[in-house]
Amino acid sequence: MKHFNKLMVLALVLITTGTFAQETKWGVRLGVGLPNLQSTDDNIYSKDYKTVAGFDGGIFLDYGLTENFSIKTELYYATKGGERNGMQPIPPAQLDPQLGQLTGGVPVYANFDNRAVFNYIGIPVLAKYEWNLGDKWGVYANAGLYVEFILSPEQETSGESKFYYDEAGTMAVQVPYNAGTDENPVIIMVDLPAQNMTATTDIDKDLADMDFGAMFGGGVSYNLNDTSELIFDMRGSYGFIPLQNDTETYGTVHMGSFTFSLAYAYTFKNRSKKATPTND
């Protein structure tokens, strides 16, 4: 969160700039995001994550430069992440040190539920062009860049499972067991009992604290009256900065998302100054 103050300053600057636009729209957007953890390789730790829908919404400012062209910015909050259930690898660094020594520092597999949840605050700056379809309807397209900062990322795991050396679950991790007595030990190898995998782990140090990427989309607007409108917005985004700090171990993963939203906007029209009459 070391960049959070910079984000607030940027938001203030963008909002203040809107007061100089020819026509300013203020609004609120509420939606649902469908994030996608996109791996650029076949890393065993980052593949096969499924989409987890989350809240995506904020307040926006749309300041017009011409009748059809405007610059749109927003301060939004979004929940992103993914889940991976079933047999999956556990990094050696996350194992108990004694078990890590026993397994020789190689990844082991377990059957459990894994959910990674990331909350972001971000600002996009989008160029927008709108086509009017009569007095009530309009359609628009917009594209631009965004920056966002991660808040309190957590990993939630649940379930019980034995550990295995292979993804198929045919080679169980074994530990030494004394089948004899203390005086006459008989050491045999037995399967490690099932372990409780339920935990909530703070993974902030493992992830990049900010992302920067491209955003694009479009939507439909409906004028309720001269100053109010309802908007259906669709947008996609793709982050350029890898999510994991340790890309050598966990692979290169980028955060993408597709969002559907409903919004309300109120238009403030700047009044032109009237000429002051003079007496001849």
C-alpha atoms as a PDB file:
ATOM      1  CA  MET A   1       0.000   0.000   0.000  1.00  0.00           C
ATOM      2  CA  LYS A   2       2.991   2.347  -0.322  1.00  0.00           C
ATOM      3  CA  HIS A   3       1.453   3.792  -3.534  1.00  0.00           C
ATOM      4  CA  PHE A   4      -1.995   4.450  -2.034  1.00  0.00           C
ATOM      5  CA  ASN A   5      -1.377   8.153  -1.295  1.00  0.00           C
ATOM      6  CA  LYS A   6      -0.237   8.712  -4.884  1.00  0.00           C
ATOM      7  CA  LEU A   7      -3.441   7.084  -6.081  1.00  0.00           C
ATOM      8  CA  MET A   8      -5.568   9.439  -3.987  1.00  0.00           C
ATOM      9  CA  VAL A   9      -3.686  12.482  -5.301  1.00  0.00           C
ATOM     10  CA  LEU A  10      -4.170  11.300  -8.886  1.00  0.00           C
ATOM     11  CA  ALA A  11      -7.895  10.791  -8.283  1.00  0.00           C
ATOM     12  CA  LEU A  12      -8.213  14.306  -6.840  1.00  0.00           C
ATOM     13  CA  VAL A  13      -6.427  15.827  -9.837  1.00  0.00           C
ATOM     14  CA  LEU A  14      -8.641  13.995 -12.309  1.00  0.00           C
ATOM     15  CA  ILE A  15     -11.833  14.960 -10.482  1.00  0.00           C
ATOM     16  CA  THR A  16     -10.773  18.597 -10.244  1.00  0.00           C
ATOM     17  CA  THR A  17      -9.992  18.669 -13.961  1.00  0.00           C
ATOM     18  CA  GLY A  18     -13.604  17.795 -14.693  1.00  0.00           C
ATOM     19  CA  THR A  19     -14.775  21.230 -13.577  1.00  0.00           C
ATOM     20  CA  PHE A  20     -13.189  22.747 -16.692  1.00  0.00           C
ATOM     21  CA  ALA A  21     -14.981  20.487 -19.171  1.00  0.00           C
ATOM     22  CA  GLN A  22     -17.711  21.729 -21.473  1.00  0.00           C
ATOM     23  CA  GLU A  23     -20.119  19.113 -20.124  1.00  0.00           C
ATOM     24  CA  THR A  24     -19.401  17.016 -17.054  1.00  0.00           C
ATOM     25  CA  LYS A  25     -21.097  13.770 -16.081  1.00  0.00           C
ATOM     26  CA  TRP A  26     -20.757  12.407 -12.569  1.00  0.00           C
ATOM     27  CA  GLY A  27     -21.990   8.931 -11.812  1.00  0.00           C
ATOM     28  CA  VAL A  28     -21.872   5.696  -9.900  1.00  0.00           C
ATOM     29  CA  ARG A  29     -21.284   2.238 -11.382  1.00  0.00           C
ATOM     30  CA  LEU A  30     -22.190  -1.108  -9.781  1.00  0.00           C
ATOM     31  CA  GLY A  31     -21.259  -4.359 -11.445  1.00  0.00           C
ATOM     32  CA  VAL A  32     -19.831  -7.842 -11.336  1.00  0.00           C
ATOM     33  CA  GLY A  33     -16.380  -8.776 -12.566  1.00  0.00           C
ATOM     34  CA  LEU A  34     -15.277 -12.082 -14.057  1.00  0.00           C
ATOM     35  CA  PRO A  35     -11.524 -12.139 -13.470  1.00  0.00           C
ATOM     36  CA  ASN A  36      -9.152 -14.497 -15.204  1.00  0.00           C
ATOM     37  CA  LEU A  37      -5.690 -15.474 -13.979  1.00  0.00           C
ATOM     38  CA  GLN A  38      -3.918 -15.830 -17.312  1.00  0.00           C
ATOM     39  CA  SER A  39      -0.672 -17.833 -17.244  1.00  0.00           C
ATOM     40  CA  THR A  40       1.780 -17.353 -20.094  1.00  0.00           C
ATOM     41  CA  ASP A  41       3.420 -20.719 -19.412  1.00  0.00           C
ATOM     42  CA  ASP A  42       2.473 -24.182 -18.153  1.00  0.00           C
ATOM     43  CA  ASN A  43       3.698 -23.695 -14.598  1.00  0.00           C
ATOM     44  CA  ILE A  44       2.241 -26.307 -12.242  1.00  0.00           C
ATOM     45  CA  TYR A  45       1.426 -23.725  -9.540  1.00  0.00           C
ATOM     46  CA  SER A  46      -0.467 -21.239 -11.706  1.00  0.00           C
ATOM     47  CA  LYS A  47      -2.382 -23.267 -14.289  1.00  0.00           C
ATOM     48  CA  ASP A  48      -6.014 -24.412 -14.124  1.00  0.00           C
ATOM     49  CA  TYR A  49      -7.390 -21.586 -11.972  1.00  0.00           C
ATOM     50  CA  LYS A  50     -11.109 -20.951 -12.551  1.00  0.00           C
ATOM     51  CA  THR A  51     -12.953 -17.636 -12.527  1.00  0.00           C
ATOM     52  CA  VAL A  52     -14.440 -16.341  -9.273  1.00  0.00           C
ATOM     53  CA  ALA A  53     -17.050 -13.616  -9.806  1.00  0.00           C
ATOM     54  CA  GLY A  54     -16.658 -10.539  -7.612  1.00  0.00           C
ATOM     55  CA  PHE A  55     -17.908  -7.011  -7.038  1.00  0.00           C
ATOM     56  CA  ASP A  56     -16.615  -4.311  -9.388  1.00  0.00           C
ATOM     57  CA  GLY A  57     -17.866  -0.737  -9.027  1.00  0.00           C
ATOM     58  CA  GLY A  58     -16.996   2.853  -8.317  1.00  0.00           C
ATOM     59  CA  ILE A  59     -17.643   6.516  -8.988  1.00  0.00           C
ATOM     60  CA  PHE A  60     -16.774   8.044 -12.348  1.00  0.00           C
ATOM     61  CA  LEU A  61     -16.311  11.353 -14.074  1.00  0.00           C
ATOM     62  CA  ASP A  62     -16.968  11.838 -17.785  1.00  0.00           C
ATOM     63  CA  TYR A  63     -15.898  15.249 -19.095  1.00  0.00           C
ATOM     64  CA  GLY A  64     -16.751  16.163 -22.631  1.00  0.00           C
ATOM     65  CA  LEU A  65     -14.332  17.716 -25.087  1.00  0.00           C
ATOM     66  CA  THR A  66     -16.782  17.791 -28.001  1.00  0.00           C
ATOM     67  CA  GLU A  67     -20.414  16.773 -28.443  1.00  0.00           C
ATOM     68  CA  ASN A  68     -19.442  13.124 -28.984  1.00  0.00           C
ATOM     69  CA  PHE A  69     -15.913  12.773 -27.607  1.00  0.00           C
ATOM     70  CA  SER A  70     -14.970  12.753 -23.920  1.00  0.00           C
ATOM     71  CA  ILE A  71     -12.378  11.617 -21.425  1.00  0.00           C
ATOM     72  CA  LYS A  72     -13.660   9.266 -18.741  1.00  0.00           C
ATOM     73  CA  THR A  73     -11.973   8.423 -15.454  1.00  0.00           C
ATOM     74  CA  GLU A  74     -13.058   6.514 -12.403  1.00  0.00           C
ATOM     75  CA  LEU A  75     -12.133   5.510  -8.873  1.00  0.00           C
ATOM     76  CA  TYR A  76     -13.182   1.877  -8.488  1.00  0.00           C
ATOM     77  CA  TYR A  77     -13.017  -1.041  -6.088  1.00  0.00           C
ATOM     78  CA  ALA A  78     -12.818  -4.559  -7.499  1.00  0.00           C
ATOM     79  CA  THR A  79     -12.575  -8.063  -6.098  1.00  0.00           C
ATOM     80  CA  LYS A  80     -10.544 -10.390  -8.284  1.00  0.00           C
ATOM     81  CA  GLY A  81      -8.995 -13.803  -8.004  1.00  0.00           C
ATOM     82  CA  GLY A  82      -9.504 -17.425  -8.875  1.00  0.00           C
ATOM     83  CA  GLU A  83     -10.022 -20.882  -7.447  1.00  0.00           C
ATOM     84  CA  ARG A  84      -8.488 -24.257  -8.044  1.00  0.00           C
ATOM     85  CA  ASN A  85     -10.079 -27.367  -6.540  1.00  0.00           C
ATOM     86  CA  GLY A  86      -8.890 -30.942  -6.538  1.00  0.00           C
ATOM     87  CA  MET A  87      -5.380 -32.384  -6.810  1.00  0.00           C
ATOM     88  CA  GLN A  88      -2.781 -29.601  -6.956  1.00  0.00           C
ATOM     89  CA  PRO A  89       0.854 -28.976  -6.004  1.00  0.00           C
ATOM     90  CA  ILE A  90       2.116 -27.458  -2.770  1.00  0.00           C
ATOM     91  CA  PRO A  91       5.398 -25.501  -2.982  1.00  0.00           C
ATOM     92  CA  PRO A  92       8.171 -26.930  -0.760  1.00  0.00           C
ATOM     93  CA  ALA A  93       8.471 -23.544   1.004  1.00  0.00           C
ATOM     94  CA  GLN A  94       4.902 -23.925   2.322  1.00  0.00           C
ATOM     95  CA  LEU A  95       5.520 -27.328   3.890  1.00  0.00           C
ATOM     96  CA  ASP A  96       6.524 -27.960   7.475  1.00  0.00           C
ATOM     97  CA  PRO A  97      10.364 -27.818   7.541  1.00  0.00           C
ATOM     98  CA  GLN A  98      10.691 -31.426   8.755  1.00  0.00           C
ATOM     99  CA  LEU A  99       8.326 -32.672   6.058  1.00  0.00           C
ATOM    100  CA  GLY A 100      10.176 -30.569   3.492  1.00  0.00           C
ATOM    101  CA  GLN A 101      13.439 -32.303   4.415  1.00  0.00           C
ATOM    102  CA  LEU A 102      11.738 -35.695   4.226  1.00  0.00           C
ATOM    103  CA  THR A 103      10.400 -35.043   0.716  1.00  0.00           C
ATOM    104  CA  GLY A 104      13.748 -33.767  -0.500  1.00  0.00           C
ATOM    105  CA  GLY A 105      12.520 -30.270  -1.359  1.00  0.00           C
ATOM    106  CA  VAL A 106      10.328 -31.386  -4.271  1.00  0.00           C
ATOM    107  CA  PRO A 107       6.699 -30.315  -4.746  1.00  0.00           C
ATOM    108  CA  VAL A 108       4.051 -32.594  -3.297  1.00  0.00           C
ATOM    109  CA  TYR A 109       0.404 -32.857  -4.296  1.00  0.00           C
ATOM    110  CA  ALA A 110      -2.777 -32.824  -2.222  1.00  0.00           C
ATOM    111  CA  ASN A 111      -6.521 -32.877  -2.900  1.00  0.00           C
ATOM    112  CA  PHE A 112      -8.070 -29.686  -1.479  1.00  0.00           C
ATOM    113  CA  ASP A 113      -9.929 -26.487  -2.332  1.00  0.00           C
ATOM    114  CA  ASN A 114      -7.851 -23.369  -2.988  1.00  0.00           C
ATOM    115  CA  ARG A 115      -9.307 -19.876  -3.388  1.00  0.00           C
ATOM    116  CA  ALA A 116      -7.156 -16.776  -3.966  1.00  0.00           C
ATOM    117  CA  VAL A 117      -8.956 -13.469  -3.330  1.00  0.00           C
ATOM    118  CA  PHE A 118      -7.492 -10.058  -4.256  1.00  0.00           C
ATOM    119  CA  ASN A 119      -9.100  -6.664  -3.639  1.00  0.00           C
ATOM    120  CA  TYR A 120      -8.002  -3.727  -5.797  1.00  0.00           C
ATOM    121  CA  ILE A 121      -8.504   0.028  -5.893  1.00  0.00           C
ATOM    122  CA  GLY A 122      -7.824   1.504  -9.308  1.00  0.00           C
ATOM    123  CA  ILE A 123      -8.145   4.410 -11.721  1.00  0.00           C
ATOM    124  CA  PRO A 124      -8.651   4.075 -15.476  1.00  0.00           C
ATOM    125  CA  VAL A 125      -8.321   6.931 -17.961  1.00  0.00           C
ATOM    126  CA  LEU A 126     -10.377   6.187 -21.078  1.00  0.00           C
ATOM    127  CA  ALA A 127     -11.008   7.958 -24.353  1.00  0.00           C
ATOM    128  CA  LYS A 128     -14.723   7.671 -25.126  1.00  0.00           C
ATOM    129  CA  TYR A 129     -16.737   8.267 -28.294  1.00  0.00           C
ATOM    130  CA  GLU A 130     -20.544   8.152 -28.238  1.00  0.00           C
ATOM    131  CA  TRP A 131     -23.066   7.944 -31.062  1.00  0.00           C
ATOM    132  CA  ASN A 132     -26.540   9.352 -30.422  1.00  0.00           C
ATOM    133  CA  LEU A 133     -29.423   7.156 -31.601  1.00  0.00           C
ATOM    134  CA  GLY A 134     -32.283   9.619 -31.417  1.00  0.00           C
ATOM    135  CA  ASP A 135     -33.267  11.630 -28.346  1.00  0.00           C
ATOM    136  CA  LYS A 136     -33.133   8.796 -25.809  1.00  0.00           C
ATOM    137  CA  TRP A 137     -30.582   6.159 -26.772  1.00  0.00           C
ATOM    138  CA  GLY A 138     -26.865   6.205 -27.356  1.00  0.00           C
ATOM    139  CA  VAL A 139     -24.025   3.727 -27.809  1.00  0.00           C
ATOM    140  CA  TYR A 140     -20.355   4.281 -27.027  1.00  0.00           C
ATOM    141  CA  ALA A 141     -16.922   2.732 -27.188  1.00  0.00           C
ATOM    142  CA  ASN A 142     -13.963   3.557 -24.975  1.00  0.00           C
ATOM    143  CA  ALA A 143     -10.387   2.446 -24.471  1.00  0.00           C
ATOM    144  CA  GLY A 144      -7.373   3.485 -22.433  1.00  0.00           C
ATOM    145  CA  LEU A 145      -5.056   2.568 -19.582  1.00  0.00           C
ATOM    146  CA  TYR A 146      -5.505   1.876 -15.892  1.00  0.00           C
ATOM    147  CA  VAL A 147      -3.448   1.588 -12.730  1.00  0.00           C
ATOM    148  CA  GLU A 148      -4.569  -0.294  -9.642  1.00  0.00           C
ATOM    149  CA  PHE A 149      -3.242  -1.245  -6.221  1.00  0.00           C
ATOM    150  CA  ILE A 150      -3.810  -4.438  -4.305  1.00  0.00           C
ATOM    151  CA  LEU A 151      -5.427  -4.528  -0.852  1.00  0.00           C
ATOM    152  CA  SER A 152      -5.101  -7.383   1.665  1.00  0.00           C
ATOM    153  CA  PRO A 153      -4.645 -10.360  -0.696  1.00  0.00           C
ATOM    154  CA  GLU A 154      -5.508 -13.672   0.939  1.00  0.00           C
ATOM    155  CA  GLN A 155      -5.432 -17.338   0.059  1.00  0.00           C
ATOM    156  CA  GLU A 156      -8.165 -19.544   1.526  1.00  0.00           C
ATOM    157  CA  THR A 157      -7.723 -23.322   1.571  1.00  0.00           C
ATOM    158  CA  SER A 158      -9.998 -26.036   2.935  1.00  0.00           C
ATOM    159  CA  GLY A 159     -10.318 -29.808   3.124  1.00  0.00           C
ATOM    160  CA  GLU A 160      -8.235 -32.778   4.294  1.00  0.00           C
ATOM    161  CA  SER A 161      -5.853 -34.803   2.181  1.00  0.00           C
ATOM    162  CA  LYS A 162      -2.881 -37.089   2.132  1.00  0.00           C
ATOM    163  CA  PHE A 163       0.225 -35.858   0.347  1.00  0.00           C
ATOM    164  CA  TYR A 164       1.468 -37.450  -2.870  1.00  0.00           C
ATOM    165  CA  TYR A 165       4.557 -37.221  -5.047  1.00  0.00           C
ATOM    166  CA  ASP A 166       2.513 -37.374  -8.235  1.00  0.00           C
ATOM    167  CA  GLU A 167      -0.553 -35.525  -9.533  1.00  0.00           C
ATOM    168  CA  ALA A 168      -2.409 -38.820 -10.101  1.00  0.00           C
ATOM    169  CA  GLY A 169      -2.257 -39.598  -6.372  1.00  0.00           C
ATOM    170  CA  THR A 170      -0.628 -43.036  -6.723  1.00  0.00           C
ATOM    171  CA  MET A 171       2.603 -42.387  -4.769  1.00  0.00           C
ATOM    172  CA  ALA A 172       1.779 -41.315  -1.226  1.00  0.00           C
ATOM    173  CA  VAL A 173       4.336 -39.463   0.880  1.00  0.00           C
ATOM    174  CA  GLN A 174       5.560 -41.849   3.569  1.00  0.00           C
ATOM    175  CA  VAL A 175       7.140 -41.278   6.966  1.00  0.00           C
ATOM    176  CA  PRO A 176       9.158 -43.631   9.203  1.00  0.00           C
ATOM    177  CA  TYR A 177       7.197 -45.493  11.878  1.00  0.00           C
ATOM    178  CA  ASN A 178       8.468 -47.690  14.687  1.00  0.00           C
ATOM    179  CA  ALA A 179       6.474 -50.942  14.470  1.00  0.00           C
ATOM    180  CA  GLY A 180       8.533 -52.440  17.273  1.00  0.00           C
ATOM    181  CA  THR A 181       9.440 -51.184  20.739  1.00  0.00           C
ATOM    182  CA  ASP A 182      11.879 -48.631  22.057  1.00  0.00           C
ATOM    183  CA  GLU A 183      14.224 -51.471  23.036  1.00  0.00           C
ATOM    184  CA  ASN A 184      13.792 -53.332  19.747  1.00  0.00           C
ATOM    185  CA  PRO A 185      12.783 -50.767  17.117  1.00  0.00           C
ATOM    186  CA  VAL A 186      11.438 -51.959  13.784  1.00  0.00           C
ATOM    187  CA  ILE A 187      11.312 -48.975  11.445  1.00  0.00           C
ATOM    188  CA  ILE A 188       8.917 -49.201   8.535  1.00  0.00           C
ATOM    189  CA  MET A 189       7.570 -46.597   6.133  1.00  0.00           C
ATOM    190  CA  VAL A 190       3.864 -45.761   6.293  1.00  0.00           C
ATOM    191  CA  ASP A 191       1.658 -43.237   4.494  1.00  0.00           C
ATOM    192  CA  LEU A 192       1.582 -39.809   6.080  1.00  0.00           C
ATOM    193  CA  PRO A 193      -1.923 -39.384   7.612  1.00  0.00           C
ATOM    194  CA  ALA A 194      -4.322 -36.939   5.975  1.00  0.00           C
ATOM    195  CA  GLN A 195      -3.557 -33.338   6.874  1.00  0.00           C
ATOM    196  CA  ASN A 196      -6.022 -30.537   7.624  1.00  0.00           C
ATOM    197  CA  MET A 197      -5.650 -28.006   4.802  1.00  0.00           C
ATOM    198  CA  THR A 198      -8.057 -25.368   6.177  1.00  0.00           C
ATOM    199  CA  ALA A 199      -6.307 -22.006   6.523  1.00  0.00           C
ATOM    200  CA  THR A 200      -6.447 -18.334   5.560  1.00  0.00           C
ATOM    201  CA  THR A 201      -3.019 -17.023   4.583  1.00  0.00           C
ATOM    202  CA  ASP A 202      -1.875 -13.444   3.988  1.00  0.00           C
ATOM    203  CA  ILE A 203       0.028 -13.524   0.677  1.00  0.00           C
ATOM    204  CA  ASP A 204       0.716  -9.803   0.325  1.00  0.00           C
ATOM    205  CA  LYS A 205       4.497 -10.266   0.267  1.00  0.00           C
ATOM    206  CA  ASP A 206       4.216 -12.794  -2.559  1.00  0.00           C
ATOM    207  CA  LEU A 207       2.326 -10.516  -4.975  1.00  0.00           C
ATOM    208  CA  ALA A 208       3.079  -7.323  -6.882  1.00  0.00           C
ATOM    209  CA  ASP A 209       1.491  -4.409  -4.995  1.00  0.00           C
ATOM    210  CA  MET A 210       0.324  -2.667  -8.179  1.00  0.00           C
ATOM    211  CA  ASP A 211      -0.768  -3.425 -11.730  1.00  0.00           C
ATOM    212  CA  PHE A 212      -0.833  -1.376 -14.912  1.00  0.00           C
ATOM    213  CA  GLY A 213      -2.685  -2.371 -18.032  1.00  0.00           C
ATOM    214  CA  ALA A 214      -5.074  -1.726 -20.887  1.00  0.00           C
ATOM    215  CA  MET A 215      -8.853  -1.382 -20.643  1.00  0.00           C
ATOM    216  CA  PHE A 216     -11.416  -1.393 -23.447  1.00  0.00           C
ATOM    217  CA  GLY A 217     -15.160  -1.715 -23.788  1.00  0.00           C
ATOM    218  CA  GLY A 218     -18.432  -0.071 -24.643  1.00  0.00           C
ATOM    219  CA  GLY A 219     -22.030   0.276 -23.630  1.00  0.00           C
ATOM    220  CA  VAL A 220     -25.526   1.610 -24.114  1.00  0.00           C
ATOM    221  CA  SER A 221     -27.021   4.734 -22.526  1.00  0.00           C
ATOM    222  CA  TYR A 222     -30.647   5.768 -22.039  1.00  0.00           C
ATOM    223  CA  ASN A 223     -31.614   9.364 -21.237  1.00  0.00           C
ATOM    224  CA  LEU A 224     -34.178   9.648 -18.465  1.00  0.00           C
ATOM    225  CA  ASN A 225     -34.309  13.435 -18.925  1.00  0.00           C
ATOM    226  CA  ASP A 226     -31.995  16.294 -19.882  1.00  0.00           C
ATOM    227  CA  THR A 227     -29.607  15.641 -16.990  1.00  0.00           C
ATOM    228  CA  SER A 228     -29.994  11.968 -15.989  1.00  0.00           C
ATOM    229  CA  GLU A 229     -29.179   8.750 -17.786  1.00  0.00           C
ATOM    230  CA  LEU A 230     -28.913   5.026 -17.158  1.00  0.00           C
ATOM    231  CA  ILE A 231     -25.962   3.127 -18.593  1.00  0.00           C
ATOM    232  CA  PHE A 232     -25.187  -0.515 -19.284  1.00  0.00           C
ATOM    233  CA  ASP A 233     -21.401  -0.857 -19.442  1.00  0.00           C
ATOM    234  CA  MET A 234     -19.160  -3.727 -20.547  1.00  0.00           C
ATOM    235  CA  ARG A 235     -15.386  -3.650 -20.264  1.00  0.00           C
ATOM    236  CA  GLY A 236     -12.374  -5.886 -20.464  1.00  0.00           C
ATOM    237  CA  SER A 237      -8.930  -5.360 -18.956  1.00  0.00           C
ATOM    238  CA  TYR A 238      -5.509  -6.974 -19.057  1.00  0.00           C
ATOM    239  CA  GLY A 239      -2.644  -6.244 -16.660  1.00  0.00           C
ATOM    240  CA  PHE A 240       0.907  -5.924 -17.944  1.00  0.00           C
ATOM    241  CA  ILE A 241       2.679  -6.547 -14.613  1.00  0.00           C
ATOM    242  CA  PRO A 242       3.076 -10.210 -13.495  1.00  0.00           C
ATOM    243  CA  LEU A 243       0.986 -11.025 -10.435  1.00  0.00           C
ATOM    244  CA  GLN A 244       3.602 -13.115  -8.625  1.00  0.00           C
ATOM    245  CA  ASN A 245       6.875 -11.560  -7.467  1.00  0.00           C
ATOM    246  CA  ASP A 246       8.692 -14.892  -7.804  1.00  0.00           C
ATOM    247  CA  THR A 247       8.008 -15.639 -11.480  1.00  0.00           C
ATOM    248  CA  GLU A 248      10.846 -18.191 -11.605  1.00  0.00           C
ATOM    249  CA  THR A 249       8.977 -20.461  -9.174  1.00  0.00           C
ATOM    250  CA  TYR A 250       5.332 -19.643  -9.817  1.00  0.00           C
ATOM    251  CA  GLY A 251       5.438 -18.697 -13.492  1.00  0.00           C
ATOM    252  CA  THR A 252       4.295 -15.528 -15.224  1.00  0.00           C
ATOM    253  CA  VAL A 253       0.638 -14.819 -14.454  1.00  0.00           C
ATOM    254  CA  HIS A 254      -1.304 -11.732 -15.545  1.00  0.00           C
ATOM    255  CA  MET A 255      -4.627 -10.572 -14.170  1.00  0.00           C
ATOM    256  CA  GLY A 256      -7.373 -10.114 -16.718  1.00  0.00           C
ATOM    257  CA  SER A 257     -11.039  -9.324 -16.171  1.00  0.00           C
ATOM    258  CA  PHE A 258     -14.361  -8.831 -17.939  1.00  0.00           C
ATOM    259  CA  THR A 259     -16.996  -6.697 -16.208  1.00  0.00           C
ATOM    260  CA  PHE A 260     -20.729  -6.073 -16.623  1.00  0.00           C
ATOM    261  CA  SER A 261     -22.191  -3.017 -14.894  1.00  0.00           C
ATOM    262  CA  LEU A 262     -25.206  -0.770 -14.493  1.00  0.00           C
ATOM    263  CA  ALA A 263     -24.559   2.915 -13.909  1.00  0.00           C
ATOM    264  CA  TYR A 264     -26.329   6.193 -13.296  1.00  0.00           C
ATOM    265  CA  ALA A 265     -24.915   9.522 -14.530  1.00  0.00           C
ATOM    266  CA  TYR A 266     -25.927  13.102 -13.846  1.00  0.00           C
ATOM    267  CA  THR A 267     -24.917  15.818 -16.309  1.00  0.00           C
ATOM    268  CA  PHE A 268     -23.676  19.242 -15.210  1.00  0.00           C
ATOM    269  CA  LYS A 269     -23.791  21.657 -18.131  1.00  0.00           C
ATOM    270  CA  ASN A 270     -21.505  24.676 -17.823  1.00  0.00           C
ATOM    271  CA  ARG A 271     -23.343  27.886 -18.423  1.00  0.00           C
ATOM    272  CA  SER A 272     -21.833  30.357 -20.854  1.00  0.00           C
ATOM    273  CA  LYS A 273     -21.306  33.877 -19.591  1.00  0.00           C
ATOM    274  CA  LYS A 274     -23.838  36.411 -20.756  1.00  0.00           C
ATOM    275  CA  ALA A 275     -22.662  39.723 -22.178  1.00  0.00           C
ATOM    276  CA  THR A 276     -23.148  42.676 -19.854  1.00  0.00           C
ATOM    277  CA  PRO A 277     -25.374  45.377 -21.447  1.00  0.00           C
ATOM    278  CA  THR A 278     -23.849  48.843 -21.735  1.00  0.00           C
ATOM    279  CA  ASN A 279     -25.510  52.217 -21.894  1.00  0.00           C
ATOM    280  CA  ASP A 280     -24.571  54.360 -24.882  1.00  0.00           C
END
